[in-house]
Amino acid sequence: MSDSDSSEDQQRTHRRPPEDRERGSQPLAQMMQQRQLTPHDLVVASPAQLTHKMVSRAMKGRWLTINSRRQVHQAFCLATGTAPQISELFNY
């Protein structure tokens, strides 16, 4: 397989290259730490099927789909009683 075939495969599957998936610590992590929240607190507050792994990845800056970010955002809002914008929790 040539390099052009491999880049076409990446485009076709819509996968991000590994170096583009890590976004560094997110504002969500600082906001949770300030409120002494754990990933478990968001999982319990969420009406959706939010997992501990999704919350941990969100805090560490692993790239998440917009739907996953919305679930984390909704759970954060319910757990804290606040209503920040998604852009205030994630910097990507």
N, C-alpha and C. Protein backbone atom coordinates (compact mmCIF):
# COMPACT_ATOMS: atom_id res chain seq x y z
N MET A 1 0.85 -1.18 0.00
CA MET A 1 0.00 0.00 0.00
C MET A 1 0.89 1.24 0.00
N SER A 2 0.62 2.16 -0.86
CA SER A 2 1.44 3.37 -0.94
C SER A 2 0.96 4.40 0.07
N ASP A 3 1.74 5.48 0.24
CA ASP A 3 1.38 6.53 1.16
C ASP A 3 0.06 7.20 0.78
N SER A 4 -0.17 7.34 -0.52
CA SER A 4 -1.41 7.99 -0.95
C SER A 4 -2.61 7.10 -0.62
N ASP A 5 -2.43 5.77 -0.72
CA ASP A 5 -3.53 4.87 -0.35
C ASP A 5 -3.84 5.00 1.13
N SER A 6 -2.82 5.10 1.95
CA SER A 6 -3.02 5.20 3.39
C SER A 6 -3.72 6.50 3.76
N SER A 7 -3.38 7.62 3.12
CA SER A 7 -4.05 8.88 3.42
C SER A 7 -5.49 8.85 2.94
N GLU A 8 -5.75 8.16 1.82
CA GLU A 8 -7.12 8.01 1.35
C GLU A 8 -7.94 7.20 2.34
N ASP A 9 -7.34 6.15 2.92
CA ASP A 9 -8.04 5.33 3.91
C ASP A 9 -8.39 6.17 5.13
N GLN A 10 -7.47 7.03 5.56
CA GLN A 10 -7.74 7.88 6.72
C GLN A 10 -8.89 8.82 6.42
N GLN A 11 -8.91 9.37 5.23
CA GLN A 11 -9.99 10.29 4.86
C GLN A 11 -11.32 9.56 4.78
N ARG A 12 -11.29 8.36 4.27
CA ARG A 12 -12.50 7.59 4.09
C ARG A 12 -13.11 7.18 5.43
N THR A 13 -12.28 6.84 6.41
CA THR A 13 -12.79 6.38 7.70
C THR A 13 -13.03 7.52 8.67
N HIS A 14 -12.61 8.73 8.31
CA HIS A 14 -12.79 9.92 9.14
C HIS A 14 -12.06 9.80 10.48
N ARG A 15 -11.01 9.02 10.51
CA ARG A 15 -10.24 8.89 11.74
C ARG A 15 -9.20 9.98 11.81
N ARG A 16 -8.98 10.45 13.01
CA ARG A 16 -7.96 11.47 13.22
C ARG A 16 -6.61 10.79 13.41
N PRO A 17 -5.55 11.40 12.91
CA PRO A 17 -4.23 10.84 13.16
C PRO A 17 -3.94 10.88 14.66
N PRO A 18 -3.16 9.95 15.18
CA PRO A 18 -2.90 9.87 16.63
C PRO A 18 -2.41 11.18 17.24
N GLU A 19 -1.58 11.91 16.54
CA GLU A 19 -1.06 13.17 17.10
C GLU A 19 -2.12 14.26 17.19
N ASP A 20 -3.23 14.08 16.50
CA ASP A 20 -4.30 15.08 16.50
C ASP A 20 -5.40 14.76 17.52
N ARG A 21 -5.27 13.64 18.23
CA ARG A 21 -6.30 13.22 19.17
C ARG A 21 -6.09 13.75 20.57
N GLU A 22 -4.88 14.08 20.92
CA GLU A 22 -4.57 14.54 22.27
C GLU A 22 -4.59 16.06 22.30
N ARG A 23 -5.47 16.63 23.13
CA ARG A 23 -5.64 18.07 23.18
C ARG A 23 -5.14 18.70 24.48
N GLY A 24 -4.58 17.92 25.37
CA GLY A 24 -4.08 18.44 26.64
C GLY A 24 -5.21 18.66 27.63
N SER A 25 -4.84 18.96 28.84
CA SER A 25 -5.81 19.14 29.92
C SER A 25 -6.86 20.18 29.52
N GLN A 26 -8.09 19.88 29.81
CA GLN A 26 -9.21 20.72 29.39
C GLN A 26 -9.71 21.58 30.56
N PRO A 27 -10.38 22.69 30.25
CA PRO A 27 -10.98 23.51 31.30
C PRO A 27 -11.94 22.70 32.18
N LEU A 28 -12.57 21.69 31.61
CA LEU A 28 -13.46 20.81 32.36
C LEU A 28 -12.75 20.25 33.59
N ALA A 29 -11.50 19.83 33.43
CA ALA A 29 -10.75 19.24 34.54
C ALA A 29 -10.57 20.25 35.68
N GLN A 30 -10.23 21.49 35.35
CA GLN A 30 -10.07 22.51 36.40
C GLN A 30 -11.40 22.83 37.07
N MET A 31 -12.46 22.91 36.27
CA MET A 31 -13.78 23.22 36.83
C MET A 31 -14.26 22.11 37.77
N MET A 32 -13.98 20.87 37.38
CA MET A 32 -14.37 19.75 38.24
C MET A 32 -13.54 19.75 39.52
N GLN A 33 -12.25 20.04 39.39
CA GLN A 33 -11.39 20.06 40.57
C GLN A 33 -11.82 21.17 41.53
N GLN A 34 -12.17 22.34 41.02
CA GLN A 34 -12.63 23.43 41.86
C GLN A 34 -13.88 23.05 42.65
N ARG A 35 -14.73 22.25 42.04
CA ARG A 35 -15.99 21.85 42.69
C ARG A 35 -15.86 20.50 43.38
N GLN A 36 -14.67 19.95 43.41
CA GLN A 36 -14.37 18.65 44.02
C GLN A 36 -15.28 17.54 43.47
N LEU A 37 -15.43 17.54 42.16
CA LEU A 37 -16.22 16.51 41.48
C LEU A 37 -15.29 15.44 40.92
N THR A 38 -15.78 14.22 40.87
CA THR A 38 -15.06 13.12 40.26
C THR A 38 -15.80 12.69 39.00
N PRO A 39 -15.16 11.92 38.13
CA PRO A 39 -15.89 11.40 36.97
C PRO A 39 -17.16 10.66 37.37
N HIS A 40 -17.12 9.97 38.50
CA HIS A 40 -18.29 9.23 38.97
C HIS A 40 -19.48 10.17 39.22
N ASP A 41 -19.22 11.36 39.73
CA ASP A 41 -20.30 12.32 39.98
C ASP A 41 -21.03 12.68 38.69
N LEU A 42 -20.29 12.82 37.60
CA LEU A 42 -20.94 13.14 36.32
C LEU A 42 -21.69 11.94 35.77
N VAL A 43 -21.13 10.75 35.94
CA VAL A 43 -21.80 9.54 35.45
C VAL A 43 -23.14 9.37 36.17
N VAL A 44 -23.15 9.59 37.47
CA VAL A 44 -24.38 9.46 38.24
C VAL A 44 -25.40 10.51 37.84
N ALA A 45 -24.95 11.73 37.56
CA ALA A 45 -25.86 12.83 37.21
C ALA A 45 -26.41 12.72 35.80
N SER A 46 -25.75 11.98 34.94
CA SER A 46 -26.12 11.94 33.53
C SER A 46 -27.35 11.07 33.26
N PRO A 47 -28.31 11.60 32.50
CA PRO A 47 -29.44 10.77 32.07
C PRO A 47 -29.08 9.88 30.88
N ALA A 48 -27.98 10.20 30.21
CA ALA A 48 -27.52 9.43 29.05
C ALA A 48 -26.57 8.33 29.52
N GLN A 49 -26.14 7.50 28.60
CA GLN A 49 -25.21 6.43 28.94
C GLN A 49 -23.78 6.97 28.93
N LEU A 50 -23.46 7.76 29.91
CA LEU A 50 -22.13 8.33 30.05
C LEU A 50 -21.29 7.36 30.87
N THR A 51 -20.05 7.15 30.45
CA THR A 51 -19.18 6.23 31.17
C THR A 51 -18.06 6.98 31.88
N HIS A 52 -17.47 6.33 32.87
CA HIS A 52 -16.34 6.90 33.58
C HIS A 52 -15.19 7.17 32.60
N LYS A 53 -15.03 6.26 31.67
CA LYS A 53 -13.95 6.38 30.68
C LYS A 53 -14.14 7.63 29.80
N MET A 54 -15.38 7.91 29.40
CA MET A 54 -15.65 9.09 28.58
C MET A 54 -15.30 10.37 29.34
N VAL A 55 -15.69 10.42 30.62
CA VAL A 55 -15.42 11.61 31.43
C VAL A 55 -13.92 11.77 31.65
N SER A 56 -13.25 10.68 31.96
CA SER A 56 -11.80 10.74 32.17
C SER A 56 -11.08 11.20 30.91
N ARG A 57 -11.49 10.68 29.76
CA ARG A 57 -10.88 11.10 28.50
C ARG A 57 -11.17 12.58 28.22
N ALA A 58 -12.37 13.02 28.54
CA ALA A 58 -12.74 14.43 28.33
C ALA A 58 -11.85 15.33 29.17
N MET A 59 -11.60 14.94 30.41
CA MET A 59 -10.78 15.75 31.31
C MET A 59 -9.32 15.80 30.86
N LYS A 60 -8.81 14.68 30.36
CA LYS A 60 -7.41 14.59 29.93
C LYS A 60 -7.17 15.25 28.58
N GLY A 61 -8.24 15.50 27.84
CA GLY A 61 -8.08 16.17 26.55
C GLY A 61 -8.05 15.23 25.37
N ARG A 62 -8.47 14.01 25.56
CA ARG A 62 -8.58 13.09 24.43
C ARG A 62 -9.73 13.58 23.56
N TRP A 63 -9.54 13.64 22.25
CA TRP A 63 -10.56 14.15 21.35
C TRP A 63 -11.81 13.29 21.45
N LEU A 64 -12.97 13.94 21.67
CA LEU A 64 -14.26 13.26 21.73
C LEU A 64 -15.16 13.80 20.62
N THR A 65 -16.11 12.99 20.21
CA THR A 65 -17.08 13.45 19.23
C THR A 65 -17.95 14.53 19.87
N ILE A 66 -18.63 15.29 19.06
CA ILE A 66 -19.48 16.35 19.58
C ILE A 66 -20.60 15.75 20.43
N ASN A 67 -21.11 14.58 20.07
CA ASN A 67 -22.16 13.96 20.87
C ASN A 67 -21.65 13.58 22.26
N SER A 68 -20.45 13.06 22.34
CA SER A 68 -19.86 12.73 23.64
C SER A 68 -19.62 13.99 24.46
N ARG A 69 -19.14 15.04 23.79
CA ARG A 69 -18.93 16.31 24.51
C ARG A 69 -20.26 16.86 25.04
N ARG A 70 -21.31 16.71 24.27
CA ARG A 70 -22.64 17.17 24.71
C ARG A 70 -23.11 16.39 25.94
N GLN A 71 -22.86 15.09 25.94
CA GLN A 71 -23.25 14.26 27.08
C GLN A 71 -22.48 14.68 28.34
N VAL A 72 -21.19 14.91 28.19
CA VAL A 72 -20.38 15.35 29.33
C VAL A 72 -20.86 16.72 29.79
N HIS A 73 -21.11 17.62 28.86
CA HIS A 73 -21.60 18.96 29.18
C HIS A 73 -22.92 18.88 29.95
N GLN A 74 -23.86 18.09 29.46
CA GLN A 74 -25.15 17.96 30.11
C GLN A 74 -25.00 17.41 31.54
N ALA A 75 -24.16 16.41 31.70
CA ALA A 75 -23.93 15.83 33.03
C ALA A 75 -23.28 16.85 33.96
N PHE A 76 -22.33 17.63 33.44
CA PHE A 76 -21.68 18.66 34.25
C PHE A 76 -22.72 19.69 34.72
N CYS A 77 -23.56 20.11 33.82
CA CYS A 77 -24.60 21.09 34.17
C CYS A 77 -25.53 20.55 35.24
N LEU A 78 -25.95 19.30 35.10
CA LEU A 78 -26.84 18.69 36.08
C LEU A 78 -26.16 18.49 37.43
N ALA A 79 -24.89 18.12 37.40
CA ALA A 79 -24.15 17.86 38.65
C ALA A 79 -23.84 19.13 39.41
N THR A 80 -23.67 20.24 38.70
CA THR A 80 -23.25 21.48 39.35
C THR A 80 -24.37 22.50 39.50
N GLY A 81 -25.43 22.34 38.73
CA GLY A 81 -26.51 23.32 38.76
C GLY A 81 -26.13 24.61 38.04
N THR A 82 -25.11 24.54 37.21
CA THR A 82 -24.67 25.69 36.42
C THR A 82 -24.94 25.41 34.94
N ALA A 83 -24.74 26.42 34.11
CA ALA A 83 -25.00 26.24 32.68
C ALA A 83 -23.90 26.88 31.83
N PRO A 84 -22.65 26.40 31.95
CA PRO A 84 -21.62 26.95 31.08
C PRO A 84 -21.82 26.46 29.64
N GLN A 85 -21.24 27.18 28.71
CA GLN A 85 -21.26 26.75 27.30
C GLN A 85 -20.30 25.58 27.13
N ILE A 86 -20.53 24.76 26.11
CA ILE A 86 -19.61 23.65 25.83
C ILE A 86 -18.20 24.19 25.60
N SER A 87 -18.10 25.35 24.95
CA SER A 87 -16.79 25.93 24.65
C SER A 87 -16.05 26.34 25.91
N GLU A 88 -16.74 26.48 27.03
CA GLU A 88 -16.08 26.80 28.30
C GLU A 88 -15.49 25.54 28.95
N LEU A 89 -15.98 24.37 28.55
CA LEU A 89 -15.49 23.10 29.11
C LEU A 89 -14.40 22.48 28.26
N PHE A 90 -14.45 22.74 26.97
CA PHE A 90 -13.50 22.13 26.02
C PHE A 90 -12.84 23.22 25.19
N ASN A 91 -11.55 23.09 24.95
CA ASN A 91 -10.86 24.11 24.15
C ASN A 91 -10.57 23.63 22.73
N TYR A 92 -11.37 22.71 22.22
CA TYR A 92 -11.25 22.27 20.83
C TYR A 92 -12.61 22.14 20.21
